Amino acid sequence: MATPKPPCKPKKIALKAKSLCVEQSTVSAELSADAGQRAAKSKKIATKPKKQPADVDRNFDDLAHRFKRNVYDRLKGDIRLAILERDLSEFIPEASWAVEADGVAAQPMKILDAGGGQGQFSISLARQGHEVVLCDISAEMLKLAQQNCLEAGVADRVHLHHGPIQSLPASYREQFDLVLCHAVLEWVVKPQELLQTLLAFSAPQGYFSLTFYNVNSIMMKNLLRTNFQKVIDDDYKGYRGSLTPTYPREPEAVYQWLAELPLEPLCCSGIRCFHDYILEPKHRMNEPQQQLSLELRLSRQEPWRSLGRYIHVLSQKIA
């Protein structure tokens, strides 16, 4: 017996089925496209931000206000200033924060603040009657420095120079009793050349105050945050838009660079030896006076000094 043929369907039903198939196909394609877009978006979000360029010195025009908000206007900024003031007062009589009755230092100094940013330390010194040249590559930083100097009433004692440190005029050579280079070394491509340039501006027997970002601190912070792969890869350079420096420095390397220059070391202190390791942001402002007192006490004691987020080295030029 022959197999019966399936009954013929009306043409309208066939056309309707065909239309339904097209609609289903269109919907499937749209869903597939949406899924692809979501995947691409997810992939884009997961992509790591780009690292800071490694071949140029950093300009902070884009981060000036973040520095003010995240560093200078917080307890971490107070700790930094307290340790620097303690170190300079102890070893440089002229820089003592115990000024004369008229508010002016007995022996005013000529000071270069290289990469001085918003001028917090320059202002502190200018208030004692010292003359300060503040040099910075960032125009935005200098705008904030000018405003800060005006508000502090020391604009006549702080002279602003816009440009890289290397652009300072030759007439400044051997003119400064004290040269400051704070938190600059970790942002420059050629740190040893910078140190030599700065030393040339120091007067015979002048003082040189250097702070640098300590790579040991960022290593410890990543360990505490369980970012083990970063430590395994030695991946400590900051991303674009980050306040983490391009070149965190090995303390032993910096000490060796300084030892090769005609400098006599006077003191070495850690800055923020434990404050930055407090992982809970809400706890970082707990007992600020006790934190400040402990930071000062521990700053020259090992192992705390070597864990400081920054390290301060104060030296005197050998005539």
Protein backbone atom coordinates (compact mmCIF):
# COMPACT_ATOMS: atom_id res chain seq x y z
CA MET A 1 0.00 0.00 0.00
CA ALA A 2 1.34 3.41 -0.92
CA THR A 3 2.27 5.77 1.90
CA PRO A 4 -0.41 8.42 2.12
CA LYS A 5 0.72 11.96 1.33
CA PRO A 6 0.30 14.59 4.04
CA PRO A 7 -2.72 16.72 3.48
CA CYS A 8 -2.13 19.90 1.57
CA LYS A 9 -2.15 23.03 3.76
CA PRO A 10 -3.87 26.18 2.65
CA LYS A 11 -1.48 28.73 1.11
CA LYS A 12 -2.40 31.36 3.73
CA ILE A 13 -1.28 29.09 6.55
CA ALA A 14 2.00 28.37 4.76
CA LEU A 15 2.66 32.08 4.29
CA LYS A 16 1.86 32.74 7.94
CA ALA A 17 4.30 30.05 9.03
CA LYS A 18 6.97 31.50 6.75
CA SER A 19 6.37 34.97 8.23
CA LEU A 20 6.62 33.55 11.76
CA CYS A 21 9.94 31.91 10.93
CA VAL A 22 11.28 35.24 9.63
CA GLU A 23 10.16 37.06 12.81
CA GLN A 24 11.74 34.39 15.00
CA SER A 25 14.93 34.63 13.00
CA THR A 26 14.96 38.42 13.36
CA VAL A 27 14.38 38.21 17.12
CA SER A 28 17.15 35.62 17.47
CA ALA A 29 19.54 37.85 15.51
CA GLU A 30 18.67 40.86 17.69
CA LEU A 31 19.15 38.83 20.88
CA SER A 32 22.47 37.57 19.55
CA ALA A 33 23.55 41.13 18.71
CA ASP A 34 22.53 42.35 22.17
CA ALA A 35 24.49 39.52 23.77
CA GLY A 36 27.49 40.41 21.65
CA GLN A 37 27.27 44.06 22.66
CA ARG A 38 26.98 43.11 26.33
CA ALA A 39 30.00 40.83 26.01
CA ALA A 40 32.00 43.57 24.28
CA LYS A 41 30.98 46.07 26.95
CA SER A 42 31.93 43.61 29.68
CA LYS A 43 35.25 42.97 27.98
CA LYS A 44 35.83 46.72 27.72
CA ILE A 45 35.11 47.21 31.42
CA ALA A 46 37.42 44.35 32.35
CA THR A 47 40.30 45.81 30.34
CA LYS A 48 43.04 47.17 32.60
CA PRO A 49 43.68 50.91 32.42
CA LYS A 50 46.83 52.00 30.68
CA LYS A 51 50.02 52.51 32.63
CA GLN A 52 51.61 55.92 32.97
CA PRO A 53 53.97 56.64 30.04
CA ALA A 54 57.43 55.46 31.05
CA ASP A 55 59.46 57.82 28.87
CA VAL A 56 58.36 61.27 30.08
CA ASP A 57 58.47 63.15 33.38
CA ARG A 58 55.01 63.45 34.93
CA ASN A 59 53.02 66.69 34.72
CA PHE A 60 50.22 67.00 37.30
CA ASP A 61 47.93 69.48 35.56
CA ASP A 62 45.23 66.79 35.47
CA LEU A 63 45.65 65.74 39.12
CA ALA A 64 46.37 68.99 40.98
CA HIS A 65 42.99 69.16 42.70
CA ARG A 66 43.04 65.44 43.55
CA PHE A 67 46.39 65.92 45.29
CA LYS A 68 44.93 68.75 47.33
CA ARG A 69 41.86 66.72 48.28
CA ASN A 70 43.46 63.29 48.80
CA VAL A 71 46.88 64.15 50.22
CA TYR A 72 47.49 67.69 51.38
CA ASP A 73 44.18 68.31 53.15
CA ARG A 74 44.20 65.10 55.18
CA LEU A 75 46.01 63.58 58.16
CA LYS A 76 48.58 62.04 55.81
CA GLY A 77 49.59 65.57 54.78
CA ASP A 78 49.89 66.62 58.44
CA ILE A 79 52.13 63.63 59.18
CA ARG A 80 54.38 64.49 56.25
CA LEU A 81 54.79 68.12 57.32
CA ALA A 82 55.41 67.19 60.97
CA ILE A 83 58.26 64.80 60.14
CA LEU A 84 59.89 67.19 57.66
CA GLU A 85 59.69 70.08 60.11
CA ARG A 86 61.14 67.91 62.90
CA ASP A 87 64.06 66.74 60.74
CA LEU A 88 64.99 70.18 59.41
CA SER A 89 64.66 71.89 62.79
CA GLU A 90 66.94 69.33 64.41
CA PHE A 91 69.78 69.56 61.90
CA ILE A 92 69.48 73.04 60.36
CA PRO A 93 69.48 75.75 63.03
CA GLU A 94 68.36 78.38 60.51
CA ALA A 95 65.28 76.32 59.68
CA SER A 96 64.15 75.98 63.26
CA TRP A 97 60.42 76.56 63.64
CA ALA A 98 61.24 78.52 66.80
CA VAL A 99 61.35 81.97 65.21
CA GLU A 100 62.12 85.37 66.64
CA ALA A 101 59.50 87.45 68.44
CA ASP A 102 58.63 89.27 65.21
CA GLY A 103 57.90 85.95 63.51
CA VAL A 104 61.04 86.04 61.35
CA ALA A 105 63.97 83.61 61.48
CA ALA A 106 67.19 84.97 62.97
CA GLN A 107 69.10 83.96 59.83
CA PRO A 108 66.80 83.89 56.77
CA MET A 109 67.82 81.37 54.12
CA LYS A 110 67.45 81.25 50.36
CA ILE A 111 65.57 78.05 49.53
CA LEU A 112 64.77 76.17 46.32
CA ASP A 113 61.62 74.02 46.44
CA ALA A 114 62.05 71.88 43.31
CA GLY A 115 58.76 70.33 42.23
CA GLY A 116 57.12 72.11 45.17
CA GLY A 117 53.57 71.62 43.88
CA GLN A 118 50.97 73.59 45.81
CA GLY A 119 53.57 75.11 48.12
CA GLN A 120 52.58 73.70 51.51
CA PHE A 121 56.17 73.36 52.71
CA SER A 122 57.34 76.52 50.95
CA ILE A 123 54.67 78.49 52.81
CA SER A 124 55.72 76.98 56.12
CA LEU A 125 59.30 78.17 55.51
CA ALA A 126 58.31 81.55 54.07
CA ARG A 127 56.33 82.31 57.24
CA GLN A 128 59.68 82.28 59.08
CA GLY A 129 61.06 84.95 56.76
CA HIS A 130 62.97 82.69 54.37
CA GLU A 131 63.03 83.49 50.63
CA VAL A 132 61.74 80.59 48.52
CA VAL A 133 61.86 79.85 44.80
CA LEU A 134 59.12 77.31 44.06
CA CYS A 135 59.58 75.51 40.73
CA ASP A 136 57.02 73.16 39.20
CA ILE A 137 56.25 71.78 35.74
CA SER A 138 52.48 71.94 36.37
CA ALA A 139 50.72 75.24 35.73
CA GLU A 140 47.68 74.01 37.69
CA MET A 141 49.81 73.21 40.73
CA LEU A 142 51.34 76.70 40.58
CA LYS A 143 47.91 78.33 40.38
CA LEU A 144 47.00 76.60 43.64
CA ALA A 145 50.41 77.54 45.12
CA GLN A 146 49.85 81.21 44.24
CA GLN A 147 46.42 81.16 45.85
CA ASN A 148 47.79 79.44 48.96
CA CYS A 149 50.64 81.97 49.25
CA LEU A 150 48.23 84.90 48.98
CA GLU A 151 45.97 83.45 51.64
CA ALA A 152 48.98 82.83 53.91
CA GLY A 153 50.32 86.37 53.39
CA VAL A 154 53.71 85.20 52.07
CA ALA A 155 53.36 85.90 48.35
CA ASP A 156 56.24 88.39 48.55
CA ARG A 157 58.59 85.68 49.85
CA VAL A 158 57.65 82.82 47.51
CA HIS A 159 58.71 83.28 43.88
CA LEU A 160 57.05 80.92 41.39
CA HIS A 161 58.88 79.40 38.40
CA HIS A 162 56.86 77.46 35.81
CA GLY A 163 58.83 74.75 34.05
CA PRO A 164 60.89 71.60 34.64
CA ILE A 165 63.64 71.74 37.25
CA GLN A 166 66.20 71.47 34.47
CA SER A 167 64.94 74.81 33.08
CA LEU A 168 66.02 76.86 36.10
CA PRO A 169 68.43 79.64 35.07
CA ALA A 170 72.17 79.13 35.39
CA SER A 171 72.31 82.21 37.64
CA TYR A 172 70.80 80.04 40.40
CA ARG A 173 73.88 77.80 40.57
CA GLU A 174 75.31 77.54 44.10
CA GLN A 175 72.79 80.11 45.33
CA PHE A 176 70.58 78.14 47.71
CA ASP A 177 71.22 77.40 51.38
CA LEU A 178 68.59 74.66 51.27
CA VAL A 179 67.35 72.63 48.29
CA LEU A 180 64.11 70.68 48.69
CA CYS A 181 63.10 67.87 46.35
CA HIS A 182 60.05 66.21 47.84
CA ALA A 183 58.07 63.46 46.08
CA VAL A 184 59.61 64.15 42.67
CA LEU A 185 62.21 61.42 42.18
CA GLU A 186 59.55 58.74 41.63
CA TRP A 187 58.04 60.62 38.67
CA VAL A 188 61.13 61.36 36.58
CA VAL A 189 62.79 59.27 33.89
CA LYS A 190 66.39 60.11 34.81
CA PRO A 191 66.60 60.40 38.60
CA GLN A 192 70.39 60.44 38.93
CA GLU A 193 70.69 63.32 36.46
CA LEU A 194 68.04 65.20 38.44
CA LEU A 195 70.01 64.76 41.69
CA GLN A 196 73.16 66.11 40.04
CA THR A 197 71.24 69.08 38.64
CA LEU A 198 69.79 69.92 42.04
CA LEU A 199 73.11 69.64 43.81
CA ALA A 200 74.58 72.21 41.42
CA PHE A 201 72.05 74.75 42.78
CA SER A 202 73.15 74.14 46.35
CA ALA A 203 75.57 76.61 47.93
CA PRO A 204 78.81 75.26 49.44
CA GLN A 205 77.85 73.48 52.69
CA GLY A 206 74.19 73.91 51.72
CA TYR A 207 71.54 71.38 52.77
CA PHE A 208 69.69 68.93 50.55
CA SER A 209 66.30 67.53 51.63
CA LEU A 210 65.05 64.60 49.52
CA THR A 211 61.91 62.50 49.87
CA PHE A 212 61.02 59.62 47.58
CA TYR A 213 58.22 57.06 47.23
CA ASN A 214 59.33 53.77 48.78
CA VAL A 215 58.65 50.66 46.67
CA ASN A 216 58.66 48.51 49.83
CA SER A 217 55.54 50.30 51.03
CA ILE A 218 53.51 49.60 47.92
CA MET A 219 54.70 45.98 48.02
CA MET A 220 53.46 45.62 51.60
CA LYS A 221 50.15 47.33 50.79
CA ASN A 222 49.52 44.87 47.95
CA LEU A 223 50.34 41.92 50.20
CA LEU A 224 47.87 43.15 52.80
CA ARG A 225 45.22 43.50 50.10
CA THR A 226 46.03 39.98 48.82
CA ASN A 227 47.12 41.36 45.43
CA PHE A 228 49.74 38.61 45.28
CA GLN A 229 50.10 38.60 41.49
CA LYS A 230 51.24 42.23 41.52
CA VAL A 231 54.02 41.33 43.94
CA ILE A 232 54.98 38.25 41.91
CA ASP A 233 55.12 40.39 38.75
CA ASP A 234 56.82 43.36 40.46
CA ASP A 235 53.95 45.41 39.05
CA TYR A 236 53.93 48.62 41.10
CA LYS A 237 53.76 51.38 38.49
CA GLY A 238 50.70 53.60 38.61
CA TYR A 239 47.95 53.72 35.99
CA ARG A 240 46.90 56.87 34.17
CA GLY A 241 44.89 59.06 36.51
CA SER A 242 46.37 57.31 39.55
CA LEU A 243 48.34 59.00 42.33
CA THR A 244 50.67 55.99 42.44
CA PRO A 245 54.00 57.06 40.92
CA THR A 246 55.47 55.83 37.68
CA TYR A 247 58.77 54.81 39.30
CA PRO A 248 58.50 53.74 42.96
CA ARG A 249 62.11 53.71 44.18
CA GLU A 250 64.22 51.06 45.85
CA PRO A 251 65.67 52.72 48.97
CA GLU A 252 69.06 51.03 48.60
CA ALA A 253 69.37 52.32 45.04
CA VAL A 254 68.61 55.89 46.12
CA TYR A 255 71.05 55.65 49.04
CA GLN A 256 73.74 54.52 46.59
CA TRP A 257 73.02 57.43 44.21
CA LEU A 258 73.38 59.87 47.11
CA ALA A 259 76.59 58.19 48.29
CA GLU A 260 78.14 58.92 44.89
CA LEU A 261 77.56 62.67 45.35
CA PRO A 262 79.54 65.06 47.57
CA LEU A 263 77.01 64.84 50.39
CA GLU A 264 77.24 64.03 54.08
CA PRO A 265 74.10 62.27 55.37
CA LEU A 266 72.51 63.85 58.45
CA CYS A 267 69.32 61.89 59.06
CA CYS A 268 66.90 59.44 57.45
CA SER A 269 63.21 59.14 58.41
CA GLY A 270 60.21 57.18 57.23
CA ILE A 271 57.05 59.16 56.46
CA ARG A 272 53.72 57.43 57.22
CA CYS A 273 55.19 54.20 58.55
CA PHE A 274 51.82 52.73 59.51
CA HIS A 275 49.05 55.22 58.65
CA ASP A 276 48.78 54.11 55.02
CA TYR A 277 48.47 50.45 56.05
CA ILE A 278 45.18 51.05 57.87
CA LEU A 279 42.96 49.33 55.31
CA GLU A 280 39.58 50.57 56.52
CA PRO A 281 39.20 54.20 55.34
CA LYS A 282 36.89 55.03 58.24
CA HIS A 283 39.62 54.05 60.71
CA ARG A 284 42.36 56.24 59.21
CA MET A 285 41.18 59.31 61.12
CA ASN A 286 40.91 57.54 64.48
CA GLU A 287 42.89 59.31 67.24
CA PRO A 288 44.75 61.67 64.85
CA GLN A 289 47.00 63.15 67.56
CA GLN A 290 48.05 59.71 68.75
CA GLN A 291 48.75 58.65 65.17
CA LEU A 292 50.86 61.76 64.62
CA SER A 293 52.80 61.20 67.84
CA LEU A 294 53.47 57.55 66.98
CA GLU A 295 54.50 58.35 63.41
CA LEU A 296 57.08 60.80 64.74
CA ARG A 297 58.35 58.27 67.30
CA LEU A 298 58.63 55.34 64.88
CA SER A 299 59.92 57.25 61.86
CA ARG A 300 63.60 56.60 62.62
CA GLN A 301 63.22 53.12 64.09
CA GLU A 302 63.58 49.95 62.07
CA PRO A 303 61.67 48.14 60.67
CA TRP A 304 59.18 51.02 60.64
CA ARG A 305 61.41 53.48 58.79
CA SER A 306 61.86 51.07 55.88
CA LEU A 307 58.07 50.64 55.64
CA GLY A 308 57.37 54.37 55.33
CA ARG A 309 55.32 55.32 52.28
CA TYR A 310 58.00 57.96 51.70
CA ILE A 311 61.55 58.18 52.99
CA HIS A 312 63.19 61.48 53.86
CA VAL A 313 66.97 61.83 53.58
CA LEU A 314 68.58 65.05 54.78
CA SER A 315 72.19 65.70 53.73
CA GLN A 316 74.73 68.52 53.69
CA LYS A 317 76.88 69.39 50.71
CA ILE A 318 80.59 68.84 51.23
CA ALA A 319 82.40 72.05 50.24
